[in-house]
């Protein structure tokens, strides 16, 4: 993701990303876990676009 959540080392924490998206940390964690497990790049792409706002 553009914010660097999946970079090593991470450039953005789950807490920071959740704050930018105005969702709880636990909600974002579940969404990212499910999207990654399902190989759903569409969800990750939408999150990336939303986080630019």
Protein backbone atom coordinates (compact mmCIF):
# COMPACT_ATOMS: atom_id res chain seq x y z
CA UNK A 1 0.00 0.00 0.00
CA UNK A 2 1.13 3.50 -0.73
CA UNK A 3 1.34 4.49 2.93
CA UNK A 4 3.91 1.78 3.58
CA UNK A 5 1.97 -0.53 5.87
CA UNK A 6 3.30 -3.60 4.05
CA UNK A 7 6.85 -2.26 3.69
CA UNK A 8 9.71 -3.71 5.72
CA UNK A 9 10.23 -1.89 7.96
CA UNK A 10 6.74 -0.42 8.06
CA UNK A 11 6.45 3.27 7.31
CA UNK A 12 2.90 3.41 8.70
CA UNK A 13 1.35 1.62 11.65
CA UNK A 14 -2.07 0.02 11.72
CA UNK A 15 -3.14 2.70 14.21
CA UNK A 16 -1.99 5.52 11.92
CA UNK A 17 -3.67 4.00 8.87
CA UNK A 18 -6.92 3.38 10.74
CA UNK A 19 -6.89 7.00 11.91
CA UNK A 20 -6.46 8.27 8.36
CA UNK A 21 -9.35 6.09 7.18
CA UNK A 22 -11.50 7.00 10.20
CA UNK A 23 -12.11 3.38 11.19
CA UNK A 24 -11.17 1.46 14.30
CA UNK A 25 -7.87 -0.36 14.39
CA UNK A 26 -9.65 -3.68 14.95
CA UNK A 27 -11.95 -3.14 11.95
CA UNK A 28 -9.04 -2.30 9.67
CA UNK A 29 -7.11 -5.31 10.93
CA UNK A 30 -9.99 -7.65 10.07
CA UNK A 31 -10.53 -6.06 6.64
CA UNK A 32 -6.84 -6.26 5.72
CA UNK A 33 -6.53 -9.82 7.01
CA UNK A 34 -9.55 -10.99 5.01
CA UNK A 35 -8.51 -9.10 1.88
CA UNK A 36 -4.99 -10.48 1.99
CA UNK A 37 -6.24 -14.01 2.69
CA UNK A 38 -8.65 -13.84 -0.22
CA UNK A 39 -6.13 -12.25 -2.55
CA UNK A 40 -8.58 -9.38 -2.98
CA UNK A 41 -6.42 -6.62 -4.38
CA UNK A 42 -9.59 -4.64 -5.12
CA UNK A 43 -10.15 -3.99 -1.42
CA UNK A 44 -6.53 -2.99 -0.92
CA UNK A 45 -6.73 -0.71 -3.97
CA UNK A 46 -9.86 1.01 -2.61
CA UNK A 47 -8.17 1.53 0.74
CA UNK A 48 -5.17 3.02 -1.03
CA UNK A 49 -7.37 5.45 -2.96
CA UNK A 50 -9.36 6.39 0.13
CA UNK A 51 -6.24 7.05 2.19
CA UNK A 52 -5.07 9.70 -0.30
CA UNK A 53 -7.94 12.00 0.70
